[in-house]
Amino acid sequence: MTRRLVPCLIVACLALALGGCEQLGLEDPAKVAAIKEAEGKAIGGACRHSGRALEDCYVMNPRALKAAIYAGWRDMDAYMRDNNIQAVVPDLVDAPAGAKAPEPAPEVPAGDKKAAAAPRKAG
């Protein structure tokens, strides 16, 4: 009797322990794929809303799924066209590392029309 009871207890304990696999850190591949898909769509939608090109989104987010980024970008593009929404230009973007800061325009006194009309050099 005790010989049959021990294996039954072991099986019952294993069933209870394996029932909580999500708590052990074992992830479901379907859930992980769904999360990556949703993140890619969110990234693509945000890139389109900010007026960024699709290729720039790919470069800025190399770990995201390109198909999901494209789907999100396309969905946001259709939404923005349907609702006549303009792209929001990000104003907190830092300049690239090698770029020069733009030179401020020289101040011209109010009475000096000749200096104000002179063309500036393109740089």
PDB file of N, CA and C in Angstrom:
ATOM      1  N   MET A   1       0.812  -1.179   0.000  1.00  0.00           N
ATOM      2  CA  MET A   1       0.000   0.000   0.000  1.00  0.00           C
ATOM      3  C   MET A   1       0.864   1.254   0.000  1.00  0.00           C
ATOM      4  N   THR A   2       1.881   1.263   0.829  1.00  0.00           N
ATOM      5  CA  THR A   2       2.737   2.440   0.874  1.00  0.00           C
ATOM      6  C   THR A   2       3.566   2.575  -0.397  1.00  0.00           C
ATOM      7  N   ARG A   3       3.822   1.460  -1.086  1.00  0.00           N
ATOM      8  CA  ARG A   3       4.571   1.522  -2.343  1.00  0.00           C
ATOM      9  C   ARG A   3       3.763   2.248  -3.408  1.00  0.00           C
ATOM     10  N   ARG A   4       2.473   2.137  -3.407  1.00  0.00           N
ATOM     11  CA  ARG A   4       1.622   2.822  -4.392  1.00  0.00           C
ATOM     12  C   ARG A   4       1.368   4.270  -3.979  1.00  0.00           C
ATOM     13  N   LEU A   5       1.412   4.527  -2.712  1.00  0.00           N
ATOM     14  CA  LEU A   5       1.123   5.864  -2.213  1.00  0.00           C
ATOM     15  C   LEU A   5       2.262   6.846  -2.506  1.00  0.00           C
ATOM     16  N   VAL A   6       3.490   6.407  -2.430  1.00  0.00           N
ATOM     17  CA  VAL A   6       4.647   7.283  -2.652  1.00  0.00           C
ATOM     18  C   VAL A   6       4.668   7.809  -4.092  1.00  0.00           C
ATOM     19  N   PRO A   7       4.542   6.975  -5.127  1.00  0.00           N
ATOM     20  CA  PRO A   7       4.533   7.527  -6.489  1.00  0.00           C
ATOM     21  C   PRO A   7       3.346   8.459  -6.749  1.00  0.00           C
ATOM     22  N   CYS A   8       2.204   8.151  -6.158  1.00  0.00           N
ATOM     23  CA  CYS A   8       1.042   9.030  -6.334  1.00  0.00           C
ATOM     24  C   CYS A   8       1.291  10.391  -5.702  1.00  0.00           C
ATOM     25  N   LEU A   9       1.918  10.419  -4.548  1.00  0.00           N
ATOM     26  CA  LEU A   9       2.246  11.689  -3.900  1.00  0.00           C
ATOM     27  C   LEU A   9       3.279  12.479  -4.719  1.00  0.00           C
ATOM     28  N   ILE A  10       4.238  11.781  -5.278  1.00  0.00           N
ATOM     29  CA  ILE A  10       5.252  12.450  -6.102  1.00  0.00           C
ATOM     30  C   ILE A  10       4.604  13.067  -7.338  1.00  0.00           C
ATOM     31  N   VAL A  11       3.729  12.327  -7.991  1.00  0.00           N
ATOM     32  CA  VAL A  11       3.038  12.838  -9.177  1.00  0.00           C
ATOM     33  C   VAL A  11       2.158  14.027  -8.812  1.00  0.00           C
ATOM     34  N   ALA A  12       1.479  13.950  -7.686  1.00  0.00           N
ATOM     35  CA  ALA A  12       0.617  15.058  -7.256  1.00  0.00           C
ATOM     36  C   ALA A  12       1.444  16.304  -6.948  1.00  0.00           C
ATOM     37  N   CYS A  13       2.571  16.127  -6.290  1.00  0.00           N
ATOM     38  CA  CYS A  13       3.444  17.274  -5.983  1.00  0.00           C
ATOM     39  C   CYS A  13       4.016  17.886  -7.256  1.00  0.00           C
ATOM     40  N   LEU A  14       4.416  17.056  -8.203  1.00  0.00           N
ATOM     41  CA  LEU A  14       4.939  17.571  -9.474  1.00  0.00           C
ATOM     42  C   LEU A  14       3.866  18.325 -10.249  1.00  0.00           C
ATOM     43  N   ALA A  15       2.657  17.812 -10.229  1.00  0.00           N
ATOM     44  CA  ALA A  15       1.566  18.485 -10.939  1.00  0.00           C
ATOM     45  C   ALA A  15       1.293  19.855 -10.335  1.00  0.00           C
ATOM     46  N   LEU A  16       1.317  19.945  -9.029  1.00  0.00           N
ATOM     47  CA  LEU A  16       1.104  21.235  -8.370  1.00  0.00           C
ATOM     48  C   LEU A  16       2.267  22.194  -8.634  1.00  0.00           C
ATOM     49  N   ALA A  17       3.477  21.671  -8.609  1.00  0.00           N
ATOM     50  CA  ALA A  17       4.645  22.526  -8.815  1.00  0.00           C
ATOM     51  C   ALA A  17       4.718  23.029 -10.256  1.00  0.00           C
ATOM     52  N   LEU A  18       4.408  22.161 -11.207  1.00  0.00           N
ATOM     53  CA  LEU A  18       4.477  22.562 -12.613  1.00  0.00           C
ATOM     54  C   LEU A  18       3.291  23.411 -13.031  1.00  0.00           C
ATOM     55  N   GLY A  19       2.258  23.421 -12.255  1.00  0.00           N
ATOM     56  CA  GLY A  19       1.107  24.275 -12.552  1.00  0.00           C
ATOM     57  C   GLY A  19       1.439  25.750 -12.399  1.00  0.00           C
ATOM     58  N   GLY A  20       2.463  26.068 -11.641  1.00  0.00           N
ATOM     59  CA  GLY A  20       2.873  27.455 -11.435  1.00  0.00           C
ATOM     60  C   GLY A  20       4.130  27.805 -12.205  1.00  0.00           C
ATOM     61  N   CYS A  21       4.296  27.274 -13.409  1.00  0.00           N
ATOM     62  CA  CYS A  21       5.503  27.534 -14.196  1.00  0.00           C
ATOM     63  C   CYS A  21       5.688  29.009 -14.525  1.00  0.00           C
ATOM     64  N   GLU A  22       4.616  29.749 -14.632  1.00  0.00           N
ATOM     65  CA  GLU A  22       4.747  31.168 -14.936  1.00  0.00           C
ATOM     66  C   GLU A  22       5.444  31.899 -13.801  1.00  0.00           C
ATOM     67  N   GLN A  23       5.299  31.401 -12.596  1.00  0.00           N
ATOM     68  CA  GLN A  23       5.946  32.028 -11.455  1.00  0.00           C
ATOM     69  C   GLN A  23       7.423  31.663 -11.386  1.00  0.00           C
ATOM     70  N   LEU A  24       7.831  30.645 -12.094  1.00  0.00           N
ATOM     71  CA  LEU A  24       9.230  30.233 -12.092  1.00  0.00           C
ATOM     72  C   LEU A  24      10.061  31.005 -13.108  1.00  0.00           C
ATOM     73  N   GLY A  25       9.440  31.814 -13.924  1.00  0.00           N
ATOM     74  CA  GLY A  25      10.180  32.566 -14.923  1.00  0.00           C
ATOM     75  C   GLY A  25      10.189  31.906 -16.285  1.00  0.00           C
ATOM     76  N   LEU A  26       9.497  30.791 -16.426  1.00  0.00           N
ATOM     77  CA  LEU A  26       9.405  30.148 -17.728  1.00  0.00           C
ATOM     78  C   LEU A  26       8.336  30.869 -18.532  1.00  0.00           C
ATOM     79  N   GLU A  27       8.734  31.439 -19.654  1.00  0.00           N
ATOM     80  CA  GLU A  27       7.806  32.259 -20.430  1.00  0.00           C
ATOM     81  C   GLU A  27       7.156  31.454 -21.546  1.00  0.00           C
ATOM     82  N   ASP A  28       5.935  31.799 -21.826  1.00  0.00           N
ATOM     83  CA  ASP A  28       5.192  31.181 -22.911  1.00  0.00           C
ATOM     84  C   ASP A  28       5.612  31.850 -24.219  1.00  0.00           C
ATOM     85  N   PRO A  29       6.105  31.095 -25.203  1.00  0.00           N
ATOM     86  CA  PRO A  29       6.559  31.706 -26.456  1.00  0.00           C
ATOM     87  C   PRO A  29       5.471  32.494 -27.182  1.00  0.00           C
ATOM     88  N   ALA A  30       4.233  32.071 -27.069  1.00  0.00           N
ATOM     89  CA  ALA A  30       3.144  32.799 -27.731  1.00  0.00           C
ATOM     90  C   ALA A  30       2.944  34.173 -27.089  1.00  0.00           C
ATOM     91  N   LYS A  31       3.053  34.235 -25.761  1.00  0.00           N
ATOM     92  CA  LYS A  31       2.911  35.521 -25.074  1.00  0.00           C
ATOM     93  C   LYS A  31       4.070  36.454 -25.409  1.00  0.00           C
ATOM     94  N   VAL A  32       5.271  35.908 -25.476  1.00  0.00           N
ATOM     95  CA  VAL A  32       6.449  36.720 -25.809  1.00  0.00           C
ATOM     96  C   VAL A  32       6.314  37.279 -27.217  1.00  0.00           C
ATOM     97  N   ALA A  33       5.857  36.455 -28.155  1.00  0.00           N
ATOM     98  CA  ALA A  33       5.677  36.919 -29.532  1.00  0.00           C
ATOM     99  C   ALA A  33       4.605  37.998 -29.613  1.00  0.00           C
ATOM    100  N   ALA A  34       3.531  37.833 -28.856  1.00  0.00           N
ATOM    101  CA  ALA A  34       2.462  38.842 -28.858  1.00  0.00           C
ATOM    102  C   ALA A  34       2.948  40.162 -28.268  1.00  0.00           C
ATOM    103  N   ILE A  35       3.767  40.093 -27.232  1.00  0.00           N
ATOM    104  CA  ILE A  35       4.310  41.307 -26.622  1.00  0.00           C
ATOM    105  C   ILE A  35       5.244  42.021 -27.592  1.00  0.00           C
ATOM    106  N   LYS A  36       6.117  41.267 -28.270  1.00  0.00           N
ATOM    107  CA  LYS A  36       7.034  41.883 -29.237  1.00  0.00           C
ATOM    108  C   LYS A  36       6.268  42.505 -30.400  1.00  0.00           C
ATOM    109  N   GLU A  37       5.213  41.851 -30.833  1.00  0.00           N
ATOM    110  CA  GLU A  37       4.376  42.384 -31.913  1.00  0.00           C
ATOM    111  C   GLU A  37       3.728  43.702 -31.489  1.00  0.00           C
ATOM    112  N   ALA A  38       3.186  43.723 -30.281  1.00  0.00           N
ATOM    113  CA  ALA A  38       2.538  44.942 -29.782  1.00  0.00           C
ATOM    114  C   ALA A  38       3.547  46.072 -29.607  1.00  0.00           C
ATOM    115  N   GLU A  39       4.741  45.762 -29.113  1.00  0.00           N
ATOM    116  CA  GLU A  39       5.772  46.787 -28.949  1.00  0.00           C
ATOM    117  C   GLU A  39       6.207  47.345 -30.297  1.00  0.00           C
ATOM    118  N   GLY A  40       6.359  46.468 -31.289  1.00  0.00           N
ATOM    119  CA  GLY A  40       6.742  46.928 -32.619  1.00  0.00           C
ATOM    120  C   GLY A  40       5.694  47.836 -33.236  1.00  0.00           C
ATOM    121  N   LYS A  41       4.428  47.480 -33.060  1.00  0.00           N
ATOM    122  CA  LYS A  41       3.354  48.335 -33.586  1.00  0.00           C
ATOM    123  C   LYS A  41       3.338  49.687 -32.884  1.00  0.00           C
ATOM    124  N   ALA A  42       3.576  49.684 -31.588  1.00  0.00           N
ATOM    125  CA  ALA A  42       3.611  50.949 -30.848  1.00  0.00           C
ATOM    126  C   ALA A  42       4.779  51.813 -31.311  1.00  0.00           C
ATOM    127  N   ILE A  43       5.919  51.202 -31.546  1.00  0.00           N
ATOM    128  CA  ILE A  43       7.086  51.944 -32.027  1.00  0.00           C
ATOM    129  C   ILE A  43       6.807  52.524 -33.402  1.00  0.00           C
ATOM    130  N   GLY A  44       6.239  51.721 -34.292  1.00  0.00           N
ATOM    131  CA  GLY A  44       5.926  52.201 -35.636  1.00  0.00           C
ATOM    132  C   GLY A  44       4.918  53.331 -35.626  1.00  0.00           C
ATOM    133  N   GLY A  45       3.895  53.207 -34.807  1.00  0.00           N
ATOM    134  CA  GLY A  45       2.901  54.274 -34.704  1.00  0.00           C
ATOM    135  C   GLY A  45       3.497  55.559 -34.157  1.00  0.00           C
ATOM    136  N   ALA A  46       4.364  55.422 -33.164  1.00  0.00           N
ATOM    137  CA  ALA A  46       5.000  56.612 -32.588  1.00  0.00           C
ATOM    138  C   ALA A  46       5.934  57.271 -33.592  1.00  0.00           C
ATOM    139  N   CYS A  47       6.644  56.460 -34.365  1.00  0.00           N
ATOM    140  CA  CYS A  47       7.536  57.034 -35.379  1.00  0.00           C
ATOM    141  C   CYS A  47       6.739  57.789 -36.434  1.00  0.00           C
ATOM    142  N   ARG A  48       5.628  57.258 -36.863  1.00  0.00           N
ATOM    143  CA  ARG A  48       4.812  57.945 -37.871  1.00  0.00           C
ATOM    144  C   ARG A  48       4.216  59.221 -37.301  1.00  0.00           C
ATOM    145  N   HIS A  49       3.775  59.173 -36.073  1.00  0.00           N
ATOM    146  CA  HIS A  49       3.174  60.356 -35.453  1.00  0.00           C
ATOM    147  C   HIS A  49       4.201  61.472 -35.287  1.00  0.00           C
ATOM    148  N   SER A  50       5.463  61.099 -35.068  1.00  0.00           N
ATOM    149  CA  SER A  50       6.503  62.111 -34.907  1.00  0.00           C
ATOM    150  C   SER A  50       7.102  62.537 -36.240  1.00  0.00           C
ATOM    151  N   GLY A  51       6.638  61.954 -37.340  1.00  0.00           N
ATOM    152  CA  GLY A  51       7.102  62.364 -38.661  1.00  0.00           C
ATOM    153  C   GLY A  51       8.406  61.714 -39.084  1.00  0.00           C
ATOM    154  N   ARG A  52       8.822  60.671 -38.424  1.00  0.00           N
ATOM    155  CA  ARG A  52      10.068  59.999 -38.796  1.00  0.00           C
ATOM    156  C   ARG A  52       9.819  59.037 -39.951  1.00  0.00           C
ATOM    157  N   ALA A  53      10.853  58.845 -40.742  1.00  0.00           N
ATOM    158  CA  ALA A  53      10.771  57.902 -41.854  1.00  0.00           C
ATOM    159  C   ALA A  53      10.802  56.475 -41.307  1.00  0.00           C
ATOM    160  N   LEU A  54      10.257  55.576 -42.067  1.00  0.00           N
ATOM    161  CA  LEU A  54      10.190  54.177 -41.652  1.00  0.00           C
ATOM    162  C   LEU A  54      11.590  53.594 -41.467  1.00  0.00           C
ATOM    163  N   GLU A  55      12.504  53.938 -42.361  1.00  0.00           N
ATOM    164  CA  GLU A  55      13.871  53.429 -42.279  1.00  0.00           C
ATOM    165  C   GLU A  55      14.565  53.931 -41.015  1.00  0.00           C
ATOM    166  N   ASP A  56      14.264  55.166 -40.612  1.00  0.00           N
ATOM    167  CA  ASP A  56      14.842  55.696 -39.380  1.00  0.00           C
ATOM    168  C   ASP A  56      14.351  54.904 -38.174  1.00  0.00           C
ATOM    169  N   CYS A  57      13.105  54.494 -38.209  1.00  0.00           N
ATOM    170  CA  CYS A  57      12.559  53.678 -37.113  1.00  0.00           C
ATOM    171  C   CYS A  57      13.286  52.342 -37.025  1.00  0.00           C
ATOM    172  N   TYR A  58      13.562  51.750 -38.175  1.00  0.00           N
ATOM    173  CA  TYR A  58      14.285  50.480 -38.183  1.00  0.00           C
ATOM    174  C   TYR A  58      15.670  50.646 -37.569  1.00  0.00           C
ATOM    175  N   VAL A  59      16.353  51.736 -37.919  1.00  0.00           N
ATOM    176  CA  VAL A  59      17.710  51.964 -37.426  1.00  0.00           C
ATOM    177  C   VAL A  59      17.700  52.264 -35.930  1.00  0.00           C
ATOM    178  N   MET A  60      16.739  53.042 -35.480  1.00  0.00           N
ATOM    179  CA  MET A  60      16.686  53.433 -34.071  1.00  0.00           C
ATOM    180  C   MET A  60      16.214  52.299 -33.165  1.00  0.00           C
ATOM    181  N   ASN A  61      15.543  51.294 -33.710  1.00  0.00           N
ATOM    182  CA  ASN A  61      15.007  50.181 -32.915  1.00  0.00           C
ATOM    183  C   ASN A  61      15.401  48.851 -33.549  1.00  0.00           C
ATOM    184  N   PRO A  62      16.679  48.482 -33.478  1.00  0.00           N
ATOM    185  CA  PRO A  62      17.123  47.266 -34.166  1.00  0.00           C
ATOM    186  C   PRO A  62      16.559  45.973 -33.582  1.00  0.00           C
ATOM    187  N   ARG A  63      16.155  45.975 -32.327  1.00  0.00           N
ATOM    188  CA  ARG A  63      15.650  44.741 -31.710  1.00  0.00           C
ATOM    189  C   ARG A  63      14.176  44.501 -31.976  1.00  0.00           C
ATOM    190  N   ALA A  64      13.472  45.521 -32.412  1.00  0.00           N
ATOM    191  CA  ALA A  64      12.037  45.376 -32.672  1.00  0.00           C
ATOM    192  C   ALA A  64      11.824  44.672 -34.010  1.00  0.00           C
ATOM    193  N   LEU A  65      10.698  44.004 -34.128  1.00  0.00           N
ATOM    194  CA  LEU A  65      10.359  43.298 -35.360  1.00  0.00           C
ATOM    195  C   LEU A  65      10.018  44.304 -36.453  1.00  0.00           C
ATOM    196  N   LYS A  66      10.691  44.187 -37.592  1.00  0.00           N
ATOM    197  CA  LYS A  66      10.471  45.147 -38.675  1.00  0.00           C
ATOM    198  C   LYS A  66       9.051  45.065 -39.220  1.00  0.00           C
ATOM    199  N   ALA A  67       8.509  43.878 -39.293  1.00  0.00           N
ATOM    200  CA  ALA A  67       7.138  43.732 -39.796  1.00  0.00           C
ATOM    201  C   ALA A  67       6.147  44.410 -38.858  1.00  0.00           C
ATOM    202  N   ALA A  68       6.383  44.310 -37.564  1.00  0.00           N
ATOM    203  CA  ALA A  68       5.490  44.950 -36.596  1.00  0.00           C
ATOM    204  C   ALA A  68       5.634  46.470 -36.651  1.00  0.00           C
ATOM    205  N   ILE A  69       6.867  46.955 -36.818  1.00  0.00           N
ATOM    206  CA  ILE A  69       7.073  48.403 -36.941  1.00  0.00           C
ATOM    207  C   ILE A  69       6.340  48.917 -38.164  1.00  0.00           C
ATOM    208  N   TYR A  70       6.465  48.199 -39.271  1.00  0.00           N
ATOM    209  CA  TYR A  70       5.790  48.629 -40.498  1.00  0.00           C
ATOM    210  C   TYR A  70       4.270  48.631 -40.320  1.00  0.00           C
ATOM    211  N   ALA A  71       3.752  47.595 -39.672  1.00  0.00           N
ATOM    212  CA  ALA A  71       2.297  47.519 -39.467  1.00  0.00           C
ATOM    213  C   ALA A  71       1.810  48.686 -38.609  1.00  0.00           C
ATOM    214  N   GLY A  72       2.536  49.002 -37.554  1.00  0.00           N
ATOM    215  CA  GLY A  72       2.158  50.131 -36.710  1.00  0.00           C
ATOM    216  C   GLY A  72       2.281  51.453 -37.435  1.00  0.00           C
ATOM    217  N   TRP A  73       3.336  51.606 -38.237  1.00  0.00           N
ATOM    218  CA  TRP A  73       3.543  52.840 -39.006  1.00  0.00           C
ATOM    219  C   TRP A  73       2.413  53.018 -40.019  1.00  0.00           C
ATOM    220  N   ARG A  74       2.070  51.929 -40.694  1.00  0.00           N
ATOM    221  CA  ARG A  74       1.012  51.978 -41.710  1.00  0.00           C
ATOM    222  C   ARG A  74      -0.348  52.282 -41.082  1.00  0.00           C
ATOM    223  N   ASP A  75      -0.644  51.645 -39.952  1.00  0.00           N
ATOM    224  CA  ASP A  75      -1.915  51.903 -39.269  1.00  0.00           C
ATOM    225  C   ASP A  75      -2.017  53.354 -38.814  1.00  0.00           C
ATOM    226  N   MET A  76      -0.931  53.880 -38.252  1.00  0.00           N
ATOM    227  CA  MET A  76      -0.947  55.269 -37.799  1.00  0.00           C
ATOM    228  C   MET A  76      -1.030  56.224 -38.983  1.00  0.00           C
ATOM    229  N   ASP A  77      -0.397  55.875 -40.090  1.00  0.00           N
ATOM    230  CA  ASP A  77      -0.472  56.724 -41.279  1.00  0.00           C
ATOM    231  C   ASP A  77      -1.913  56.815 -41.771  1.00  0.00           C
ATOM    232  N   ALA A  78      -2.600  55.686 -41.829  1.00  0.00           N
ATOM    233  CA  ALA A  78      -4.001  55.691 -42.258  1.00  0.00           C
ATOM    234  C   ALA A  78      -4.865  56.483 -41.276  1.00  0.00           C
ATOM    235  N   TYR A  79      -4.615  56.306 -39.992  1.00  0.00           N
ATOM    236  CA  TYR A  79      -5.387  57.027 -38.976  1.00  0.00           C
ATOM    237  C   TYR A  79      -5.164  58.535 -39.094  1.00  0.00           C
ATOM    238  N   MET A  80      -3.909  58.928 -39.288  1.00  0.00           N
ATOM    239  CA  MET A  80      -3.599  60.356 -39.387  1.00  0.00           C
ATOM    240  C   MET A  80      -4.198  60.970 -40.646  1.00  0.00           C
ATOM    241  N   ARG A  81      -4.198  60.228 -41.739  1.00  0.00           N
ATOM    242  CA  ARG A  81      -4.798  60.738 -42.977  1.00  0.00           C
ATOM    243  C   ARG A  81      -6.318  60.861 -42.839  1.00  0.00           C
ATOM    244  N   ASP A  82      -6.938  59.866 -42.230  1.00  0.00           N
ATOM    245  CA  ASP A  82      -8.396  59.889 -42.067  1.00  0.00           C
ATOM    246  C   ASP A  82      -8.858  61.040 -41.179  1.00  0.00           C
ATOM    247  N   ASN A  83      -8.078  61.349 -40.151  1.00  0.00           N
ATOM    248  CA  ASN A  83      -8.472  62.373 -39.186  1.00  0.00           C
ATOM    249  C   ASN A  83      -7.753  63.704 -39.386  1.00  0.00           C
ATOM    250  N   ASN A  84      -7.017  63.831 -40.493  1.00  0.00           N
ATOM    251  CA  ASN A  84      -6.309  65.068 -40.833  1.00  0.00           C
ATOM    252  C   ASN A  84      -5.425  65.536 -39.673  1.00  0.00           C
ATOM    253  N   ILE A  85      -4.591  64.625 -39.164  1.00  0.00           N
ATOM    254  CA  ILE A  85      -3.679  64.924 -38.062  1.00  0.00           C
ATOM    255  C   ILE A  85      -2.294  65.169 -38.643  1.00  0.00           C
ATOM    256  N   GLN A  86      -1.667  66.243 -38.231  1.00  0.00           N
ATOM    257  CA  GLN A  86      -0.320  66.572 -38.684  1.00  0.00           C
ATOM    258  C   GLN A  86       0.705  65.898 -37.773  1.00  0.00           C
ATOM    259  N   ALA A  87       1.885  65.631 -38.330  1.00  0.00           N
ATOM    260  CA  ALA A  87       2.961  65.026 -37.551  1.00  0.00           C
ATOM    261  C   ALA A  87       3.440  66.004 -36.486  1.00  0.00           C
ATOM    262  N   VAL A  88       3.789  65.465 -35.336  1.00  0.00           N
ATOM    263  CA  VAL A  88       4.296  66.268 -34.230  1.00  0.00           C
ATOM    264  C   VAL A  88       5.813  66.204 -34.285  1.00  0.00           C
ATOM    265  N   VAL A  89       6.441  67.345 -34.481  1.00  0.00           N
ATOM    266  CA  VAL A  89       7.898  67.390 -34.571  1.00  0.00           C
ATOM    267  C   VAL A  89       8.473  67.373 -33.159  1.00  0.00           C
ATOM    268  N   PRO A  90       9.350  66.397 -32.864  1.00  0.00           N
ATOM    269  CA  PRO A  90       9.933  66.354 -31.521  1.00  0.00           C
ATOM    270  C   PRO A  90      10.899  67.518 -31.329  1.00  0.00           C
ATOM    271  N   ASP A  91      10.750  68.268 -30.252  1.00  0.00           N
ATOM    272  CA  ASP A  91      11.622  69.402 -30.012  1.00  0.00           C
ATOM    273  C   ASP A  91      12.665  69.127 -28.940  1.00  0.00           C
ATOM    274  N   LEU A  92      12.673  67.957 -28.365  1.00  0.00           N
ATOM    275  CA  LEU A  92      13.651  67.611 -27.345  1.00  0.00           C
ATOM    276  C   LEU A  92      14.739  66.688 -27.870  1.00  0.00           C
ATOM    277  N   VAL A  93      14.855  66.563 -29.171  1.00  0.00           N
ATOM    278  CA  VAL A  93      15.841  65.676 -29.762  1.00  0.00           C
ATOM    279  C   VAL A  93      17.195  66.359 -29.725  1.00  0.00           C
ATOM    280  N   ASP A  94      18.217  65.654 -29.231  1.00  0.00           N
ATOM    281  CA  ASP A  94      19.568  66.196 -29.213  1.00  0.00           C
ATOM    282  C   ASP A  94      20.146  66.175 -30.613  1.00  0.00           C
ATOM    283  N   ALA A  95      21.059  67.103 -30.891  1.00  0.00           N
ATOM    284  CA  ALA A  95      21.736  67.141 -32.180  1.00  0.00           C
ATOM    285  C   ALA A  95      22.668  65.942 -32.276  1.00  0.00           C
ATOM    286  N   PRO A  96      22.933  65.431 -33.483  1.00  0.00           N
ATOM    287  CA  PRO A  96      23.876  64.333 -33.641  1.00  0.00           C
ATOM    288  C   PRO A  96      25.250  64.719 -33.098  1.00  0.00           C
ATOM    289  N   ALA A  97      26.042  63.735 -32.727  1.00  0.00           N
ATOM    290  CA  ALA A  97      27.315  63.984 -32.056  1.00  0.00           C
ATOM    291  C   ALA A  97      28.277  64.821 -32.897  1.00  0.00           C
ATOM    292  N   GLY A  98      28.340  64.608 -34.206  1.00  0.00           N
ATOM    293  CA  GLY A  98      29.291  65.317 -35.053  1.00  0.00           C
ATOM    294  C   GLY A  98      28.746  66.602 -35.641  1.00  0.00           C
ATOM    295  N   ALA A  99      27.519  66.948 -35.358  1.00  0.00           N
ATOM    296  CA  ALA A  99      26.903  68.123 -35.984  1.00  0.00           C
ATOM    297  C   ALA A  99      27.339  69.399 -35.275  1.00  0.00           C
ATOM    298  N   LYS A 100      27.447  70.460 -36.068  1.00  0.00           N
ATOM    299  CA  LYS A 100      27.781  71.767 -35.511  1.00  0.00           C
ATOM    300  C   LYS A 100      26.501  72.450 -35.051  1.00  0.00           C
ATOM    301  N   ALA A 101      26.630  73.253 -34.037  1.00  0.00           N
ATOM    302  CA  ALA A 101      25.489  74.049 -33.583  1.00  0.00           C
ATOM    303  C   ALA A 101      25.263  75.176 -34.576  1.00  0.00           C
ATOM    304  N   PRO A 102      24.021  75.496 -34.893  1.00  0.00           N
ATOM    305  CA  PRO A 102      23.778  76.578 -35.850  1.00  0.00           C
ATOM    306  C   PRO A 102      24.248  77.908 -35.279  1.00  0.00           C
ATOM    307  N   GLU A 103      24.827  78.719 -36.164  1.00  0.00           N
ATOM    308  CA  GLU A 103      25.316  80.028 -35.741  1.00  0.00           C
ATOM    309  C   GLU A 103      24.139  80.981 -35.609  1.00  0.00           C
ATOM    310  N   PRO A 104      24.135  81.779 -34.557  1.00  0.00           N
ATOM    311  CA  PRO A 104      23.036  82.738 -34.414  1.00  0.00           C
ATOM    312  C   PRO A 104      23.140  83.826 -35.472  1.00  0.00           C
ATOM    313  N   ALA A 105      21.995  84.335 -35.888  1.00  0.00           N
ATOM    314  CA  ALA A 105      21.974  85.404 -36.885  1.00  0.00           C
ATOM    315  C   ALA A 105      22.538  86.671 -36.257  1.00  0.00           C
ATOM    316  N   PRO A 106      23.353  87.423 -37.018  1.00  0.00           N
ATOM    317  CA  PRO A 106      23.917  88.652 -36.461  1.00  0.00           C
ATOM    318  C   PRO A 106      22.815  89.677 -36.228  1.00  0.00           C
ATOM    319  N   GLU A 107      22.939  90.384 -35.129  1.00  0.00           N
ATOM    320  CA  GLU A 107      21.944  91.401 -34.805  1.00  0.00           C
ATOM    321  C   GLU A 107      22.190  92.637 -35.650  1.00  0.00           C
ATOM    322  N   VAL A 108      21.138  93.150 -36.235  1.00  0.00           N
ATOM    323  CA  VAL A 108      21.224  94.322 -37.098  1.00  0.00           C
ATOM    324  C   VAL A 108      20.476  95.455 -36.415  1.00  0.00           C
ATOM    325  N   PRO A 109      21.115  96.623 -36.303  1.00  0.00           N
ATOM    326  CA  PRO A 109      20.394  97.758 -35.723  1.00  0.00           C
ATOM    327  C   PRO A 109      19.164  98.087 -36.558  1.00  0.00           C
ATOM    328  N   ALA A 110      18.153  98.638 -35.930  1.00  0.00           N
ATOM    329  CA  ALA A 110      16.878  98.904 -36.595  1.00  0.00           C
ATOM    330  C   ALA A 110      17.016  99.850 -37.773  1.00  0.00           C
ATOM    331  N   GLY A 111      17.930 100.814 -37.741  1.00  0.00           N
ATOM    332  CA  GLY A 111      18.053 101.791 -38.814  1.00  0.00           C
ATOM    333  C   GLY A 111      18.961 101.339 -39.943  1.00  0.00           C
ATOM    334  N   ASP A 112      19.644 100.206 -39.833  1.00  0.00           N
ATOM    335  CA  ASP A 112      20.609  99.768 -40.844  1.00  0.00           C
ATOM    336  C   ASP A 112      19.937  98.817 -41.826  1.00  0.00           C
ATOM    337  N   LYS A 113      19.256  99.344 -42.837  1.00  0.00           N
ATOM    338  CA  LYS A 113      18.530  98.523 -43.812  1.00  0.00           C
ATOM    339  C   LYS A 113      19.483  97.840 -44.780  1.00  0.00           C
ATOM    340  N   LYS A 114      20.628  98.439 -45.059  1.00  0.00           N
ATOM    341  CA  LYS A 114      21.586  97.883 -46.011  1.00  0.00           C
ATOM    342  C   LYS A 114      22.132  96.549 -45.495  1.00  0.00           C
ATOM    343  N   ALA A 115      22.477  96.480 -44.228  1.00  0.00           N
ATOM    344  CA  ALA A 115      23.007  95.250 -43.642  1.00  0.00           C
ATOM    345  C   ALA A 115      21.922  94.183 -43.538  1.00  0.00           C
ATOM    346  N   ALA A 116      20.696  94.599 -43.312  1.00  0.00           N
ATOM    347  CA  ALA A 116      19.603  93.638 -43.197  1.00  0.00           C
ATOM    348  C   ALA A 116      19.268  93.019 -44.545  1.00  0.00           C
ATOM    349  N   ALA A 117      19.449  93.767 -45.638  1.00  0.00           N
ATOM    350  CA  ALA A 117      19.120  93.271 -46.968  1.00  0.00           C
ATOM    351  C   ALA A 117      20.235  92.421 -47.553  1.00  0.00           C
ATOM    352  N   ALA A 118      21.444  92.490 -47.015  1.00  0.00           N
ATOM    353  CA  ALA A 118      22.576  91.731 -47.557  1.00  0.00           C
ATOM    354  C   ALA A 118      22.348  90.242 -47.321  1.00  0.00           C
ATOM    355  N   PRO A 119      22.594  89.425 -48.355  1.00  0.00           N
ATOM    356  CA  PRO A 119      22.397  87.977 -48.186  1.00  0.00           C
ATOM    357  C   PRO A 119      23.476  87.390 -47.287  1.00  0.00           C
ATOM    358  N   ARG A 120      23.069  86.375 -46.521  1.00  0.00           N
ATOM    359  CA  ARG A 120      24.021  85.686 -45.660  1.00  0.00           C
ATOM    360  C   ARG A 120      24.655  84.547 -46.429  1.00  0.00           C
ATOM    361  N   LYS A 121      25.856  84.167 -46.013  1.00  0.00           N
ATOM    362  CA  LYS A 121      26.553  83.054 -46.649  1.00  0.00           C
ATOM    363  C   LYS A 121      25.907  81.745 -46.220  1.00  0.00           C
ATOM    364  N   ALA A 122      25.760  80.824 -47.187  1.00  0.00           N
ATOM    365  CA  ALA A 122      25.229  79.499 -46.863  1.00  0.00           C
ATOM    366  C   ALA A 122      26.357  78.677 -46.287  1.00  0.00           C
ATOM    367  N   GLY A 123      26.115  77.958 -45.247  1.00  0.00           N
ATOM    368  CA  GLY A 123      27.218  77.257 -44.608  1.00  0.00           C
ATOM    369  C   GLY A 123      26.872  75.918 -44.305  1.00  0.00           C
TER     370      GLY A 123
END
